[in-house]
Structures are given as structure tokens and as C-alpha cells.
């Protein structure tokens, strides 16, 4: 009855993968995890997706995490798509005011949006 957040996330991932889905919907899979466990979880998820050749719908408000795990992004506001494109394009030159506000906010909180080499 006493397991860590990382352990809970791993159990939830194992349960979701047990039925071998073609599509895994990962809704905030790294929320409330420390940076080390978060990184481990993302590596595990990436490995499993590659091994099983399944698609992942990664839902997150954390643009720094999103920039690490995907090439394309769909930004939603109030249940509607407001912008889509590559992570690189959205981070470097957001077209919509809402996306710009998200990127600016993330930049204030984390420097992790400073992307390295192109994907």
C-alpha cells in the first residue's frame, strides 16, 4: 500500500501494456515524478513503444517533456486544436498567441526547451 509515484506510474504502464494495445494513451505519465524518475519513465516508454511498434498519444502540459519525446505537437485550448507542427517550429516560432504564451511560460520555468540537434 506504500509505493512511490514512480512505482505507481510503472504499475499503471504495465497494466496498460498487458493487453498489447496498438495505441497507448499516455495522459500526463510523468506528473509528480522527480527529474530522475521522469527520465527513467520516458526511456522505458520509448523502449517499449519501439519494441512493440505501437503508437502513443502523449498528453502533457509540460512542453519540456513533450520536446523530449515527440517530433510533432498539437496544441489544444478549451478542447480545440489551436496549432500544430513540429516541436522545433512551435518552440522557436509559435504562430498562435496561446502557443506563444505556453512557450514563454515554459521558458521562464525551465531552460529545457532550448533544443539541441534537430531530430
C-alpha atoms as a PDB file:
ATOM      1  CA  UNK A   1       0.000   0.000   0.000  1.00  0.00           C
ATOM      2  CA  UNK A   2       3.017   2.288   0.189  1.00  0.00           C
ATOM      3  CA  UNK A   3       4.696   2.719  -3.161  1.00  0.00           C
ATOM      4  CA  UNK A   4       6.365   5.743  -4.685  1.00  0.00           C
ATOM      5  CA  UNK A   5       4.984   7.852  -7.519  1.00  0.00           C
ATOM      6  CA  UNK A   6       7.471   6.290  -9.900  1.00  0.00           C
ATOM      7  CA  UNK A   7       6.424   2.809  -8.861  1.00  0.00           C
ATOM      8  CA  UNK A   8       2.748   3.725  -9.308  1.00  0.00           C
ATOM      9  CA  UNK A   9       3.480   5.064 -12.797  1.00  0.00           C
ATOM     10  CA  UNK A  10       5.333   1.861 -13.715  1.00  0.00           C
ATOM     11  CA  UNK A  11       2.452  -0.280 -12.449  1.00  0.00           C
ATOM     12  CA  UNK A  12      -0.049   1.783 -14.445  1.00  0.00           C
ATOM     13  CA  UNK A  13       2.139   1.463 -17.554  1.00  0.00           C
ATOM     14  CA  UNK A  14       2.462  -2.310 -17.055  1.00  0.00           C
ATOM     15  CA  UNK A  15      -1.318  -2.647 -16.701  1.00  0.00           C
ATOM     16  CA  UNK A  16      -1.889  -0.607 -19.855  1.00  0.00           C
ATOM     17  CA  UNK A  17       0.639  -2.655 -21.825  1.00  0.00           C
ATOM     18  CA  UNK A  18      -0.605  -6.035 -20.585  1.00  0.00           C
ATOM     19  CA  UNK A  19      -3.295  -6.200 -23.260  1.00  0.00           C
ATOM     20  CA  UNK A  20      -0.802  -5.302 -26.013  1.00  0.00           C
ATOM     21  CA  UNK A  21      -2.593  -2.238 -27.410  1.00  0.00           C
ATOM     22  CA  UNK A  22      -1.866  -0.790 -30.844  1.00  0.00           C
ATOM     23  CA  UNK A  23      -2.285   2.674 -29.332  1.00  0.00           C
ATOM     24  CA  UNK A  24      -1.173   3.718 -25.854  1.00  0.00           C
ATOM     25  CA  UNK A  25      -2.753   6.880 -24.497  1.00  0.00           C
ATOM     26  CA  UNK A  26      -0.280   8.326 -22.008  1.00  0.00           C
ATOM     27  CA  UNK A  27      -2.084  11.113 -20.142  1.00  0.00           C
ATOM     28  CA  UNK A  28       0.420  13.058 -18.028  1.00  0.00           C
ATOM     29  CA  UNK A  29       2.593   9.966 -17.451  1.00  0.00           C
ATOM     30  CA  UNK A  30       5.369  11.918 -15.715  1.00  0.00           C
ATOM     31  CA  UNK A  31       3.321  14.194 -13.490  1.00  0.00           C
ATOM     32  CA  UNK A  32       4.593  14.395  -9.899  1.00  0.00           C
ATOM     33  CA  UNK A  33       7.769  12.452 -10.665  1.00  0.00           C
ATOM     34  CA  UNK A  34      11.192  13.769  -9.789  1.00  0.00           C
ATOM     35  CA  UNK A  35      13.523  14.506 -12.695  1.00  0.00           C
ATOM     36  CA  UNK A  36      15.470  11.245 -12.399  1.00  0.00           C
ATOM     37  CA  UNK A  37      12.398   9.000 -12.262  1.00  0.00           C
ATOM     38  CA  UNK A  38      10.776  11.081 -15.005  1.00  0.00           C
ATOM     39  CA  UNK A  39      13.752  10.465 -17.272  1.00  0.00           C
ATOM     40  CA  UNK A  40      13.711   6.734 -16.494  1.00  0.00           C
ATOM     41  CA  UNK A  41       9.988   6.563 -17.247  1.00  0.00           C
ATOM     42  CA  UNK A  42      10.424   8.317 -20.598  1.00  0.00           C
ATOM     43  CA  UNK A  43      13.264   5.974 -21.593  1.00  0.00           C
ATOM     44  CA  UNK A  44      11.176   2.957 -20.573  1.00  0.00           C
ATOM     45  CA  UNK A  45       8.181   4.217 -22.517  1.00  0.00           C
ATOM     46  CA  UNK A  46      10.314   4.907 -25.598  1.00  0.00           C
ATOM     47  CA  UNK A  47      11.893   1.448 -25.404  1.00  0.00           C
ATOM     48  CA  UNK A  48       8.560  -0.335 -25.040  1.00  0.00           C
ATOM     49  CA  UNK A  49       6.978   1.627 -27.874  1.00  0.00           C
ATOM     50  CA  UNK A  50       9.875   0.734 -30.156  1.00  0.00           C
ATOM     51  CA  UNK A  51       9.823  -2.930 -29.208  1.00  0.00           C
ATOM     52  CA  UNK A  52       6.073  -3.260 -29.618  1.00  0.00           C
ATOM     53  CA  UNK A  53       5.787  -0.940 -32.619  1.00  0.00           C
ATOM     54  CA  UNK A  54       2.744   0.787 -31.202  1.00  0.00           C
ATOM     55  CA  UNK A  55       1.560   4.354 -31.449  1.00  0.00           C
ATOM     56  CA  UNK A  56       1.473   6.677 -28.455  1.00  0.00           C
ATOM     57  CA  UNK A  57      -0.786   9.637 -27.839  1.00  0.00           C
ATOM     58  CA  UNK A  58       1.249  11.596 -25.290  1.00  0.00           C
ATOM     59  CA  UNK A  59      -0.869  14.122 -23.412  1.00  0.00           C
ATOM     60  CA  UNK A  60       1.012  16.682 -21.338  1.00  0.00           C
ATOM     61  CA  UNK A  61       1.110  20.316 -20.344  1.00  0.00           C
ATOM     62  CA  UNK A  62       4.874  20.060 -19.812  1.00  0.00           C
ATOM     63  CA  UNK A  63       6.464  21.350 -23.024  1.00  0.00           C
ATOM     64  CA  UNK A  64       9.941  20.408 -21.845  1.00  0.00           C
ATOM     65  CA  UNK A  65       8.905  16.759 -21.563  1.00  0.00           C
ATOM     66  CA  UNK A  66       6.987  16.920 -24.838  1.00  0.00           C
ATOM     67  CA  UNK A  67      10.066  18.285 -26.598  1.00  0.00           C
ATOM     68  CA  UNK A  68      11.997  15.197 -25.441  1.00  0.00           C
ATOM     69  CA  UNK A  69       9.521  12.549 -26.563  1.00  0.00           C
ATOM     70  CA  UNK A  70       7.933  13.649 -29.813  1.00  0.00           C
ATOM     71  CA  UNK A  71       8.582  15.325 -33.116  1.00  0.00           C
ATOM     72  CA  UNK A  72       5.091  16.719 -33.713  1.00  0.00           C
ATOM     73  CA  UNK A  73       2.726  18.559 -31.391  1.00  0.00           C
ATOM     74  CA  UNK A  74      -0.922  19.531 -31.381  1.00  0.00           C
ATOM     75  CA  UNK A  75      -1.662  22.416 -29.009  1.00  0.00           C
ATOM     76  CA  UNK A  76      -5.168  22.467 -27.597  1.00  0.00           C
ATOM     77  CA  UNK A  77      -7.078  25.163 -25.759  1.00  0.00           C
ATOM     78  CA  UNK A  78     -10.549  24.616 -24.329  1.00  0.00           C
ATOM     79  CA  UNK A  79     -10.837  21.286 -26.150  1.00  0.00           C
ATOM     80  CA  UNK A  80      -9.981  22.735 -29.565  1.00  0.00           C
ATOM     81  CA  UNK A  81      -6.820  22.453 -31.613  1.00  0.00           C
ATOM     82  CA  UNK A  82      -5.202  25.879 -31.958  1.00  0.00           C
ATOM     83  CA  UNK A  83      -1.866  24.993 -33.552  1.00  0.00           C
ATOM     84  CA  UNK A  84       0.112  22.021 -34.756  1.00  0.00           C
ATOM     85  CA  UNK A  85       3.530  21.402 -36.172  1.00  0.00           C
ATOM     86  CA  UNK A  86       6.956  20.158 -35.299  1.00  0.00           C
ATOM     87  CA  UNK A  87       8.175  20.663 -31.764  1.00  0.00           C
ATOM     88  CA  UNK A  88      11.073  22.694 -33.115  1.00  0.00           C
ATOM     89  CA  UNK A  89       8.814  25.068 -35.073  1.00  0.00           C
ATOM     90  CA  UNK A  90       6.324  25.535 -32.245  1.00  0.00           C
ATOM     91  CA  UNK A  91       9.039  26.230 -29.696  1.00  0.00           C
ATOM     92  CA  UNK A  92      11.075  28.540 -31.899  1.00  0.00           C
ATOM     93  CA  UNK A  93       8.273  30.411 -33.673  1.00  0.00           C
ATOM     94  CA  UNK A  94       4.781  29.789 -32.331  1.00  0.00           C
ATOM     95  CA  UNK A  95       2.121  31.247 -34.636  1.00  0.00           C
ATOM     96  CA  UNK A  96      -0.777  31.453 -32.203  1.00  0.00           C
ATOM     97  CA  UNK A  97      -0.909  33.711 -29.147  1.00  0.00           C
ATOM     98  CA  UNK A  98      -1.906  30.820 -26.890  1.00  0.00           C
ATOM     99  CA  UNK A  99       1.036  28.684 -28.023  1.00  0.00           C
ATOM    100  CA  UNK A 100       3.382  31.635 -27.578  1.00  0.00           C
ATOM    101  CA  UNK A 101       2.116  32.093 -24.019  1.00  0.00           C
ATOM    102  CA  UNK A 102       2.709  28.393 -23.279  1.00  0.00           C
ATOM    103  CA  UNK A 103       6.236  28.506 -24.678  1.00  0.00           C
ATOM    104  CA  UNK A 104       7.060  31.737 -22.857  1.00  0.00           C
ATOM    105  CA  UNK A 105       5.772  30.280 -19.605  1.00  0.00           C
ATOM    106  CA  UNK A 106       7.799  27.106 -20.058  1.00  0.00           C
ATOM    107  CA  UNK A 107      10.926  29.128 -20.828  1.00  0.00           C
ATOM    108  CA  UNK A 108      10.516  31.033 -17.583  1.00  0.00           C
ATOM    109  CA  UNK A 109      10.219  27.799 -15.624  1.00  0.00           C
ATOM    110  CA  UNK A 110      12.765  25.641 -17.403  1.00  0.00           C
ATOM    111  CA  UNK A 111      15.598  26.059 -19.820  1.00  0.00           C
ATOM    112  CA  UNK A 112      14.869  22.564 -21.147  1.00  0.00           C
ATOM    113  CA  UNK A 113      13.151  23.980 -24.236  1.00  0.00           C
ATOM    114  CA  UNK A 114      16.496  25.021 -25.648  1.00  0.00           C
ATOM    115  CA  UNK A 115      16.587  22.198 -28.157  1.00  0.00           C
ATOM    116  CA  UNK A 116      19.839  20.671 -29.295  1.00  0.00           C
ATOM    117  CA  UNK A 117      20.363  18.944 -32.609  1.00  0.00           C
ATOM    118  CA  UNK A 118      17.409  18.583 -34.992  1.00  0.00           C
ATOM    119  CA  UNK A 119      15.516  15.311 -34.792  1.00  0.00           C
END
